[in-house]
């Protein structure tokens, strides 16, 4: 599968305002969605965030609850967009193991 990545920048800004990813070309072997990939591969930024919170000695369930932000519907949407809809307590434990080593 081939993807085309387009970045839109605001005037006088080095950070992109929007990123657009478009699939193109023909490949029958790779026809899975990003959501399917998110089930198996976790966002490294989420793992790093969880690891930093474990380092501060917070409990794993509290870290998961804070990252999931169940009280804020917009945060939940942003988490899904970042590929974190499958983020669970085991991910927090795994991120903590990296810090403890």
PDB file of N, CA and C in Angstrom:
ATOM      1  N   UNK A   1       0.842  -1.171   0.000  1.00  0.00           N
ATOM      2  CA  UNK A   1       0.000   0.000   0.000  1.00  0.00           C
ATOM      3  C   UNK A   1       0.889   1.236   0.000  1.00  0.00           C
ATOM      4  N   UNK A   2       0.529   2.199  -0.774  1.00  0.00           N
ATOM      5  CA  UNK A   2       1.245   3.461  -0.807  1.00  0.00           C
ATOM      6  C   UNK A   2       0.363   4.528  -0.189  1.00  0.00           C
ATOM      7  N   UNK A   3       1.000   5.472   0.480  1.00  0.00           N
ATOM      8  CA  UNK A   3       0.257   6.572   1.084  1.00  0.00           C
ATOM      9  C   UNK A   3       0.901   7.882   0.695  1.00  0.00           C
ATOM     10  N   UNK A   4       0.064   8.859   0.503  1.00  0.00           N
ATOM     11  CA  UNK A   4       0.528  10.206   0.220  1.00  0.00           C
ATOM     12  C   UNK A   4       0.227  11.050   1.456  1.00  0.00           C
ATOM     13  N   UNK A   5       1.240  11.746   1.940  1.00  0.00           N
ATOM     14  CA  UNK A   5       1.079  12.573   3.127  1.00  0.00           C
ATOM     15  C   UNK A   5       1.200  14.034   2.724  1.00  0.00           C
ATOM     16  N   UNK A   6       0.165  14.800   3.024  1.00  0.00           N
ATOM     17  CA  UNK A   6       0.148  16.239   2.740  1.00  0.00           C
ATOM     18  C   UNK A   6       0.074  16.995   4.056  1.00  0.00           C
ATOM     19  N   UNK A   7       0.918  17.990   4.207  1.00  0.00           N
ATOM     20  CA  UNK A   7       0.912  18.805   5.421  1.00  0.00           C
ATOM     21  C   UNK A   7       0.544  20.229   5.071  1.00  0.00           C
ATOM     22  N   UNK A   8      -0.380  20.785   5.837  1.00  0.00           N
ATOM     23  CA  UNK A   8      -0.823  22.160   5.631  1.00  0.00           C
ATOM     24  C   UNK A   8      -0.272  23.022   6.768  1.00  0.00           C
ATOM     25  N   UNK A   9       0.407  24.079   6.410  1.00  0.00           N
ATOM     26  CA  UNK A   9       1.034  24.962   7.384  1.00  0.00           C
ATOM     27  C   UNK A   9       0.329  26.310   7.424  1.00  0.00           C
ATOM     28  N   UNK A  10       0.251  26.888   8.616  1.00  0.00           N
ATOM     29  CA  UNK A  10      -0.204  28.261   8.748  1.00  0.00           C
ATOM     30  C   UNK A  10       0.947  29.176   8.345  1.00  0.00           C
ATOM     31  N   UNK A  11       0.626  30.395   7.984  1.00  0.00           N
ATOM     32  CA  UNK A  11       1.658  31.334   7.557  1.00  0.00           C
ATOM     33  C   UNK A  11       2.625  31.600   8.703  1.00  0.00           C
ATOM     34  N   UNK A  12       3.917  31.561   8.409  1.00  0.00           N
ATOM     35  CA  UNK A  12       4.996  31.815   9.381  1.00  0.00           C
ATOM     36  C   UNK A  12       5.004  30.813  10.542  1.00  0.00           C
ATOM     37  N   UNK A  13       4.655  29.563  10.261  1.00  0.00           N
ATOM     38  CA  UNK A  13       4.641  28.538  11.301  1.00  0.00           C
ATOM     39  C   UNK A  13       5.361  27.297  10.791  1.00  0.00           C
ATOM     40  N   UNK A  14       6.264  26.754  11.605  1.00  0.00           N
ATOM     41  CA  UNK A  14       7.042  25.587  11.188  1.00  0.00           C
ATOM     42  C   UNK A  14       6.328  24.269  11.486  1.00  0.00           C
ATOM     43  N   UNK A  15       5.321  24.316  12.349  1.00  0.00           N
ATOM     44  CA  UNK A  15       4.577  23.108  12.715  1.00  0.00           C
ATOM     45  C   UNK A  15       3.319  23.020  11.853  1.00  0.00           C
ATOM     46  N   UNK A  16       3.041  21.842  11.272  1.00  0.00           N
ATOM     47  CA  UNK A  16       1.852  21.738  10.413  1.00  0.00           C
ATOM     48  C   UNK A  16       0.564  21.918  11.200  1.00  0.00           C
ATOM     49  N   UNK A  17      -0.384  22.596  10.571  1.00  0.00           N
ATOM     50  CA  UNK A  17      -1.703  22.807  11.155  1.00  0.00           C
ATOM     51  C   UNK A  17      -2.553  21.546  10.981  1.00  0.00           C
ATOM     52  N   UNK A  18      -2.448  20.921   9.812  1.00  0.00           N
ATOM     53  CA  UNK A  18      -3.195  19.701   9.500  1.00  0.00           C
ATOM     54  C   UNK A  18      -2.298  18.741   8.728  1.00  0.00           C
ATOM     55  N   UNK A  19      -2.555  17.455   8.922  1.00  0.00           N
ATOM     56  CA  UNK A  19      -1.860  16.426   8.162  1.00  0.00           C
ATOM     57  C   UNK A  19      -2.924  15.546   7.530  1.00  0.00           C
ATOM     58  N   UNK A  20      -2.800  15.348   6.228  1.00  0.00           N
ATOM     59  CA  UNK A  20      -3.778  14.539   5.503  1.00  0.00           C
ATOM     60  C   UNK A  20      -3.057  13.329   4.909  1.00  0.00           C
ATOM     61  N   UNK A  21      -3.575  12.139   5.207  1.00  0.00           N
ATOM     62  CA  UNK A  21      -2.986  10.902   4.698  1.00  0.00           C
ATOM     63  C   UNK A  21      -3.988  10.258   3.749  1.00  0.00           C
ATOM     64  N   UNK A  22      -3.541  10.009   2.528  1.00  0.00           N
ATOM     65  CA  UNK A  22      -4.411   9.433   1.502  1.00  0.00           C
ATOM     66  C   UNK A  22      -3.765   8.156   0.982  1.00  0.00           C
ATOM     67  N   UNK A  23      -4.553   7.097   0.921  1.00  0.00           N
ATOM     68  CA  UNK A  23      -4.069   5.848   0.363  1.00  0.00           C
ATOM     69  C   UNK A  23      -4.221   5.914  -1.150  1.00  0.00           C
ATOM     70  N   UNK A  24      -3.194   5.480  -1.870  1.00  0.00           N
ATOM     71  CA  UNK A  24      -3.303   5.420  -3.327  1.00  0.00           C
ATOM     72  C   UNK A  24      -2.540   4.212  -3.834  1.00  0.00           C
ATOM     73  N   UNK A  25      -2.740   3.913  -5.065  1.00  0.00           N
ATOM     74  CA  UNK A  25      -2.088   2.739  -5.643  1.00  0.00           C
ATOM     75  C   UNK A  25      -2.918   1.495  -5.398  1.00  0.00           C
ATOM     76  N   UNK A  26      -2.388   0.362  -5.803  1.00  0.00           N
ATOM     77  CA  UNK A  26      -3.115  -0.889  -5.692  1.00  0.00           C
ATOM     78  C   UNK A  26      -2.245  -1.921  -4.998  1.00  0.00           C
ATOM     79  N   UNK A  27      -2.692  -2.393  -3.865  1.00  0.00           N
ATOM     80  CA  UNK A  27      -1.976  -3.439  -3.150  1.00  0.00           C
ATOM     81  C   UNK A  27      -3.006  -4.287  -2.421  1.00  0.00           C
ATOM     82  N   UNK A  28      -3.172  -5.506  -2.843  1.00  0.00           N
ATOM     83  CA  UNK A  28      -4.164  -6.395  -2.249  1.00  0.00           C
ATOM     84  C   UNK A  28      -3.699  -6.979  -0.915  1.00  0.00           C
ATOM     85  N   UNK A  29      -2.381  -7.057  -0.689  1.00  0.00           N
ATOM     86  CA  UNK A  29      -1.866  -7.664   0.520  1.00  0.00           C
ATOM     87  C   UNK A  29      -2.110  -6.815   1.767  1.00  0.00           C
ATOM     88  N   UNK A  30      -2.053  -5.518   1.628  1.00  0.00           N
ATOM     89  CA  UNK A  30      -2.202  -4.618   2.760  1.00  0.00           C
ATOM     90  C   UNK A  30      -3.480  -3.811   2.601  1.00  0.00           C
ATOM     91  N   UNK A  31      -4.562  -4.365   3.085  1.00  0.00           N
ATOM     92  CA  UNK A  31      -5.834  -3.659   2.950  1.00  0.00           C
ATOM     93  C   UNK A  31      -6.501  -3.466   4.309  1.00  0.00           C
ATOM     94  N   UNK A  32      -5.707  -3.328   5.364  1.00  0.00           N
ATOM     95  CA  UNK A  32      -6.250  -3.111   6.687  1.00  0.00           C
ATOM     96  C   UNK A  32      -6.353  -1.616   6.976  1.00  0.00           C
ATOM     97  N   UNK A  33      -7.206  -1.291   7.927  1.00  0.00           N
ATOM     98  CA  UNK A  33      -7.398   0.106   8.291  1.00  0.00           C
ATOM     99  C   UNK A  33      -6.442   0.479   9.425  1.00  0.00           C
ATOM    100  N   UNK A  34      -6.322   1.763   9.686  1.00  0.00           N
ATOM    101  CA  UNK A  34      -5.483   2.224  10.791  1.00  0.00           C
ATOM    102  C   UNK A  34      -6.045   1.749  12.128  1.00  0.00           C
ATOM    103  N   UNK A  35      -7.377   1.651  12.227  1.00  0.00           N
ATOM    104  CA  UNK A  35      -7.993   1.166  13.459  1.00  0.00           C
ATOM    105  C   UNK A  35      -7.590  -0.282  13.745  1.00  0.00           C
ATOM    106  N   UNK A  36      -7.508  -1.094  12.709  1.00  0.00           N
ATOM    107  CA  UNK A  36      -7.073  -2.476  12.892  1.00  0.00           C
ATOM    108  C   UNK A  36      -5.620  -2.533  13.360  1.00  0.00           C
ATOM    109  N   UNK A  37      -4.793  -1.659  12.849  1.00  0.00           N
ATOM    110  CA  UNK A  37      -3.393  -1.609  13.283  1.00  0.00           C
ATOM    111  C   UNK A  37      -3.271  -1.159  14.737  1.00  0.00           C
ATOM    112  N   UNK A  38      -4.162  -0.253  15.166  1.00  0.00           N
ATOM    113  CA  UNK A  38      -4.116   0.267  16.525  1.00  0.00           C
ATOM    114  C   UNK A  38      -4.378  -0.823  17.563  1.00  0.00           C
ATOM    115  N   UNK A  39      -5.039  -1.912  17.173  1.00  0.00           N
ATOM    116  CA  UNK A  39      -5.275  -3.004  18.108  1.00  0.00           C
ATOM    117  C   UNK A  39      -3.976  -3.679  18.524  1.00  0.00           C
ATOM    118  N   UNK A  40      -2.981  -3.670  17.636  1.00  0.00           N
ATOM    119  CA  UNK A  40      -1.751  -4.412  17.881  1.00  0.00           C
ATOM    120  C   UNK A  40      -0.550  -3.527  18.184  1.00  0.00           C
ATOM    121  N   UNK A  41      -0.530  -2.333  17.673  1.00  0.00           N
ATOM    122  CA  UNK A  41       0.606  -1.423  17.843  1.00  0.00           C
ATOM    123  C   UNK A  41       0.127  -0.200  18.596  1.00  0.00           C
ATOM    124  N   UNK A  42       0.836   0.147  19.642  1.00  0.00           N
ATOM    125  CA  UNK A  42       0.459   1.308  20.447  1.00  0.00           C
ATOM    126  C   UNK A  42       1.280   2.525  20.057  1.00  0.00           C
ATOM    127  N   UNK A  43       0.660   3.662  20.205  1.00  0.00           N
ATOM    128  CA  UNK A  43       1.299   4.939  19.933  1.00  0.00           C
ATOM    129  C   UNK A  43       2.446   5.138  20.924  1.00  0.00           C
ATOM    130  N   UNK A  44       3.626   5.419  20.418  1.00  0.00           N
ATOM    131  CA  UNK A  44       4.802   5.565  21.280  1.00  0.00           C
ATOM    132  C   UNK A  44       4.668   6.761  22.225  1.00  0.00           C
ATOM    133  N   UNK A  45       3.968   7.789  21.808  1.00  0.00           N
ATOM    134  CA  UNK A  45       3.780   8.956  22.691  1.00  0.00           C
ATOM    135  C   UNK A  45       2.916   8.589  23.889  1.00  0.00           C
ATOM    136  N   UNK A  46       1.882   7.752  23.677  1.00  0.00           N
ATOM    137  CA  UNK A  46       1.047   7.302  24.792  1.00  0.00           C
ATOM    138  C   UNK A  46       1.863   6.437  25.748  1.00  0.00           C
ATOM    139  N   UNK A  47       2.705   5.582  25.200  1.00  0.00           N
ATOM    140  CA  UNK A  47       3.547   4.737  26.038  1.00  0.00           C
ATOM    141  C   UNK A  47       4.521   5.584  26.852  1.00  0.00           C
ATOM    142  N   UNK A  48       5.098   6.587  26.220  1.00  0.00           N
ATOM    143  CA  UNK A  48       6.045   7.462  26.916  1.00  0.00           C
ATOM    144  C   UNK A  48       5.340   8.246  28.021  1.00  0.00           C
ATOM    145  N   UNK A  49       4.148   8.742  27.729  1.00  0.00           N
ATOM    146  CA  UNK A  49       3.366   9.471  28.727  1.00  0.00           C
ATOM    147  C   UNK A  49       3.058   8.574  29.921  1.00  0.00           C
ATOM    148  N   UNK A  50       2.611   7.355  29.653  1.00  0.00           N
ATOM    149  CA  UNK A  50       2.309   6.418  30.734  1.00  0.00           C
ATOM    150  C   UNK A  50       3.565   6.104  31.541  1.00  0.00           C
ATOM    151  N   UNK A  51       4.685   5.900  30.874  1.00  0.00           N
ATOM    152  CA  UNK A  51       5.944   5.624  31.566  1.00  0.00           C
ATOM    153  C   UNK A  51       6.377   6.761  32.464  1.00  0.00           C
ATOM    154  N   UNK A  52       6.184   7.986  32.006  1.00  0.00           N
ATOM    155  CA  UNK A  52       6.548   9.150  32.829  1.00  0.00           C
ATOM    156  C   UNK A  52       5.680   9.230  34.084  1.00  0.00           C
ATOM    157  N   UNK A  53       4.412   8.857  33.954  1.00  0.00           N
ATOM    158  CA  UNK A  53       3.520   8.893  35.108  1.00  0.00           C
ATOM    159  C   UNK A  53       3.833   7.759  36.082  1.00  0.00           C
ATOM    160  N   UNK A  54       4.232   6.590  35.574  1.00  0.00           N
ATOM    161  CA  UNK A  54       4.663   5.484  36.443  1.00  0.00           C
ATOM    162  C   UNK A  54       5.895   5.919  37.221  1.00  0.00           C
ATOM    163  N   UNK A  55       6.775   6.636  36.566  1.00  0.00           N
ATOM    164  CA  UNK A  55       7.998   7.128  37.209  1.00  0.00           C
ATOM    165  C   UNK A  55       7.671   8.038  38.398  1.00  0.00           C
ATOM    166  N   UNK A  56       6.538   8.729  38.317  1.00  0.00           N
ATOM    167  CA  UNK A  56       6.106   9.611  39.406  1.00  0.00           C
ATOM    168  C   UNK A  56       5.388   8.841  40.517  1.00  0.00           C
ATOM    169  N   UNK A  57       5.311   7.507  40.355  1.00  0.00           N
ATOM    170  CA  UNK A  57       4.721   6.600  41.349  1.00  0.00           C
ATOM    171  C   UNK A  57       3.196   6.656  41.419  1.00  0.00           C
ATOM    172  N   UNK A  58       2.536   7.061  40.347  1.00  0.00           N
ATOM    173  CA  UNK A  58       1.078   6.979  40.315  1.00  0.00           C
ATOM    174  C   UNK A  58       0.667   5.542  40.063  1.00  0.00           C
ATOM    175  N   UNK A  59      -0.533   5.166  40.502  1.00  0.00           N
ATOM    176  CA  UNK A  59      -1.031   3.810  40.279  1.00  0.00           C
ATOM    177  C   UNK A  59      -1.434   3.651  38.811  1.00  0.00           C
ATOM    178  N   UNK A  60      -1.270   2.432  38.312  1.00  0.00           N
ATOM    179  CA  UNK A  60      -1.548   2.152  36.902  1.00  0.00           C
ATOM    180  C   UNK A  60      -2.992   2.461  36.531  1.00  0.00           C
ATOM    181  N   UNK A  61      -3.942   2.111  37.390  1.00  0.00           N
ATOM    182  CA  UNK A  61      -5.347   2.372  37.044  1.00  0.00           C
ATOM    183  C   UNK A  61      -5.653   3.874  37.008  1.00  0.00           C
ATOM    184  N   UNK A  62      -4.982   4.637  37.868  1.00  0.00           N
ATOM    185  CA  UNK A  62      -5.184   6.089  37.853  1.00  0.00           C
ATOM    186  C   UNK A  62      -4.578   6.714  36.594  1.00  0.00           C
ATOM    187  N   UNK A  63      -3.443   6.184  36.158  1.00  0.00           N
ATOM    188  CA  UNK A  63      -2.803   6.677  34.934  1.00  0.00           C
ATOM    189  C   UNK A  63      -3.689   6.395  33.735  1.00  0.00           C
ATOM    190  N   UNK A  64      -4.209   5.163  33.662  1.00  0.00           N
ATOM    191  CA  UNK A  64      -5.091   4.796  32.548  1.00  0.00           C
ATOM    192  C   UNK A  64      -6.331   5.682  32.532  1.00  0.00           C
ATOM    193  N   UNK A  65      -6.926   5.905  33.704  1.00  0.00           N
ATOM    194  CA  UNK A  65      -8.120   6.745  33.789  1.00  0.00           C
ATOM    195  C   UNK A  65      -7.824   8.181  33.357  1.00  0.00           C
ATOM    196  N   UNK A  66      -6.651   8.695  33.748  1.00  0.00           N
ATOM    197  CA  UNK A  66      -6.287  10.066  33.377  1.00  0.00           C
ATOM    198  C   UNK A  66      -6.051  10.183  31.875  1.00  0.00           C
ATOM    199  N   UNK A  67      -5.394   9.176  31.286  1.00  0.00           N
ATOM    200  CA  UNK A  67      -5.134   9.220  29.850  1.00  0.00           C
ATOM    201  C   UNK A  67      -6.425   9.058  29.064  1.00  0.00           C
ATOM    202  N   UNK A  68      -7.300   8.161  29.533  1.00  0.00           N
ATOM    203  CA  UNK A  68      -8.574   7.939  28.842  1.00  0.00           C
ATOM    204  C   UNK A  68      -9.509   9.140  28.983  1.00  0.00           C
ATOM    205  N   UNK A  69      -9.392   9.910  30.065  1.00  0.00           N
ATOM    206  CA  UNK A  69     -10.205  11.111  30.316  1.00  0.00           C
ATOM    207  C   UNK A  69     -11.684  10.843  30.074  1.00  0.00           C
ATOM    208  N   UNK A  70     -12.232   9.920  30.844  1.00  0.00           N
ATOM    209  CA  UNK A  70     -13.635   9.544  30.674  1.00  0.00           C
ATOM    210  C   UNK A  70     -14.594  10.700  30.941  1.00  0.00           C
ATOM    211  N   UNK A  71     -14.162  11.696  31.672  1.00  0.00           N
ATOM    212  CA  UNK A  71     -15.041  12.829  31.999  1.00  0.00           C
ATOM    213  C   UNK A  71     -15.096  13.874  30.895  1.00  0.00           C
ATOM    214  N   UNK A  72     -14.159  13.836  29.971  1.00  0.00           N
ATOM    215  CA  UNK A  72     -14.079  14.853  28.925  1.00  0.00           C
ATOM    216  C   UNK A  72     -14.287  14.210  27.557  1.00  0.00           C
ATOM    217  N   UNK A  73     -15.451  14.424  26.921  1.00  0.00           N
ATOM    218  CA  UNK A  73     -15.718  13.785  25.627  1.00  0.00           C
ATOM    219  C   UNK A  73     -14.772  14.235  24.514  1.00  0.00           C
ATOM    220  N   UNK A  74     -14.283  15.443  24.556  1.00  0.00           N
ATOM    221  CA  UNK A  74     -13.365  15.891  23.500  1.00  0.00           C
ATOM    222  C   UNK A  74     -12.016  15.204  23.639  1.00  0.00           C
ATOM    223  N   UNK A  75     -11.584  14.961  24.877  1.00  0.00           N
ATOM    224  CA  UNK A  75     -10.314  14.258  25.092  1.00  0.00           C
ATOM    225  C   UNK A  75     -10.424  12.822  24.594  1.00  0.00           C
ATOM    226  N   UNK A  76     -11.583  12.218  24.757  1.00  0.00           N
ATOM    227  CA  UNK A  76     -11.794  10.858  24.276  1.00  0.00           C
ATOM    228  C   UNK A  76     -11.676  10.799  22.755  1.00  0.00           C
ATOM    229  N   UNK A  77     -12.218  11.784  22.083  1.00  0.00           N
ATOM    230  CA  UNK A  77     -12.128  11.853  20.624  1.00  0.00           C
ATOM    231  C   UNK A  77     -10.682  12.035  20.185  1.00  0.00           C
ATOM    232  N   UNK A  78      -9.947  12.880  20.888  1.00  0.00           N
ATOM    233  CA  UNK A  78      -8.542  13.114  20.562  1.00  0.00           C
ATOM    234  C   UNK A  78      -7.704  11.862  20.810  1.00  0.00           C
ATOM    235  N   UNK A  79      -8.029  11.117  21.870  1.00  0.00           N
ATOM    236  CA  UNK A  79      -7.314   9.881  22.158  1.00  0.00           C
ATOM    237  C   UNK A  79      -7.539   8.859  21.046  1.00  0.00           C
ATOM    238  N   UNK A  80      -8.760   8.750  20.572  1.00  0.00           N
ATOM    239  CA  UNK A  80      -9.056   7.841  19.467  1.00  0.00           C
ATOM    240  C   UNK A  80      -8.303   8.254  18.205  1.00  0.00           C
ATOM    241  N   UNK A  81      -8.228   9.543  17.949  1.00  0.00           N
ATOM    242  CA  UNK A  81      -7.511  10.032  16.772  1.00  0.00           C
ATOM    243  C   UNK A  81      -6.010   9.713  16.867  1.00  0.00           C
ATOM    244  N   UNK A  82      -5.494   9.654  18.090  1.00  0.00           N
ATOM    245  CA  UNK A  82      -4.079   9.335  18.288  1.00  0.00           C
ATOM    246  C   UNK A  82      -3.817   7.832  18.281  1.00  0.00           C
ATOM    247  N   UNK A  83      -4.872   7.053  18.106  1.00  0.00           N
ATOM    248  CA  UNK A  83      -4.720   5.599  18.070  1.00  0.00           C
ATOM    249  C   UNK A  83      -4.774   4.961  19.439  1.00  0.00           C
ATOM    250  N   UNK A  84      -5.394   5.613  20.395  1.00  0.00           N
ATOM    251  CA  UNK A  84      -5.417   5.097  21.763  1.00  0.00           C
ATOM    252  C   UNK A  84      -6.730   4.490  22.208  1.00  0.00           C
ATOM    253  N   UNK A  85      -7.633   4.182  21.295  1.00  0.00           N
ATOM    254  CA  UNK A  85      -8.915   3.634  21.722  1.00  0.00           C
ATOM    255  C   UNK A  85      -8.770   2.253  22.359  1.00  0.00           C
ATOM    256  N   UNK A  86      -7.667   1.557  22.113  1.00  0.00           N
ATOM    257  CA  UNK A  86      -7.442   0.244  22.697  1.00  0.00           C
ATOM    258  C   UNK A  86      -6.440   0.293  23.852  1.00  0.00           C
ATOM    259  N   UNK A  87      -6.090   1.483  24.292  1.00  0.00           N
ATOM    260  CA  UNK A  87      -5.126   1.662  25.389  1.00  0.00           C
ATOM    261  C   UNK A  87      -5.735   1.124  26.675  1.00  0.00           C
ATOM    262  N   UNK A  88      -5.021   0.243  27.374  1.00  0.00           N
ATOM    263  CA  UNK A  88      -5.565  -0.364  28.588  1.00  0.00           C
ATOM    264  C   UNK A  88      -4.512  -0.391  29.694  1.00  0.00           C
ATOM    265  N   UNK A  89      -4.890  -0.970  30.817  1.00  0.00           N
ATOM    266  CA  UNK A  89      -4.018  -0.966  31.985  1.00  0.00           C
ATOM    267  C   UNK A  89      -2.738  -1.769  31.749  1.00  0.00           C
ATOM    268  N   UNK A  90      -2.798  -2.781  30.898  1.00  0.00           N
ATOM    269  CA  UNK A  90      -1.604  -3.567  30.595  1.00  0.00           C
ATOM    270  C   UNK A  90      -0.562  -2.716  29.867  1.00  0.00           C
ATOM    271  N   UNK A  91      -1.020  -1.769  29.057  1.00  0.00           N
ATOM    272  CA  UNK A  91      -0.098  -0.858  28.375  1.00  0.00           C
ATOM    273  C   UNK A  91       0.639   0.006  29.394  1.00  0.00           C
ATOM    274  N   UNK A  92      -0.071   0.418  30.443  1.00  0.00           N
ATOM    275  CA  UNK A  92       0.555   1.222  31.494  1.00  0.00           C
ATOM    276  C   UNK A  92       1.612   0.394  32.218  1.00  0.00           C
ATOM    277  N   UNK A  93       1.277  -0.868  32.540  1.00  0.00           N
ATOM    278  CA  UNK A  93       2.246  -1.747  33.195  1.00  0.00           C
ATOM    279  C   UNK A  93       3.481  -1.945  32.318  1.00  0.00           C
ATOM    280  N   UNK A  94       3.274  -2.166  31.023  1.00  0.00           N
ATOM    281  CA  UNK A  94       4.399  -2.366  30.109  1.00  0.00           C
ATOM    282  C   UNK A  94       5.273  -1.117  30.017  1.00  0.00           C
ATOM    283  N   UNK A  95       4.638   0.039  29.976  1.00  0.00           N
ATOM    284  CA  UNK A  95       5.402   1.293  29.928  1.00  0.00           C
ATOM    285  C   UNK A  95       6.200   1.463  31.215  1.00  0.00           C
ATOM    286  N   UNK A  96       5.631   1.033  32.334  1.00  0.00           N
ATOM    287  CA  UNK A  96       6.334   1.114  33.619  1.00  0.00           C
ATOM    288  C   UNK A  96       7.525   0.191  33.686  1.00  0.00           C
ATOM    289  N   UNK A  97       7.443  -0.953  33.029  1.00  0.00           N
ATOM    290  CA  UNK A  97       8.575  -1.897  33.032  1.00  0.00           C
ATOM    291  C   UNK A  97       9.792  -1.289  32.338  1.00  0.00           C
ATOM    292  N   UNK A  98       9.557  -0.517  31.282  1.00  0.00           N
ATOM    293  CA  UNK A  98      10.667   0.130  30.598  1.00  0.00           C
ATOM    294  C   UNK A  98      11.379   1.101  31.528  1.00  0.00           C
ATOM    295  N   UNK A  99      10.603   1.796  32.356  1.00  0.00           N
ATOM    296  CA  UNK A  99      11.206   2.772  33.270  1.00  0.00           C
ATOM    297  C   UNK A  99      11.964   2.068  34.400  1.00  0.00           C
ATOM    298  N   UNK A 100      11.431   0.943  34.895  1.00  0.00           N
ATOM    299  CA  UNK A 100      12.023   0.261  36.046  1.00  0.00           C
ATOM    300  C   UNK A 100      13.327  -0.445  35.708  1.00  0.00           C
ATOM    301  N   UNK A 101      13.577  -0.708  34.448  1.00  0.00           N
ATOM    302  CA  UNK A 101      14.804  -1.423  34.063  1.00  0.00           C
ATOM    303  C   UNK A 101      16.010  -0.551  34.145  1.00  0.00           C
TER     304      UNK A 101
END
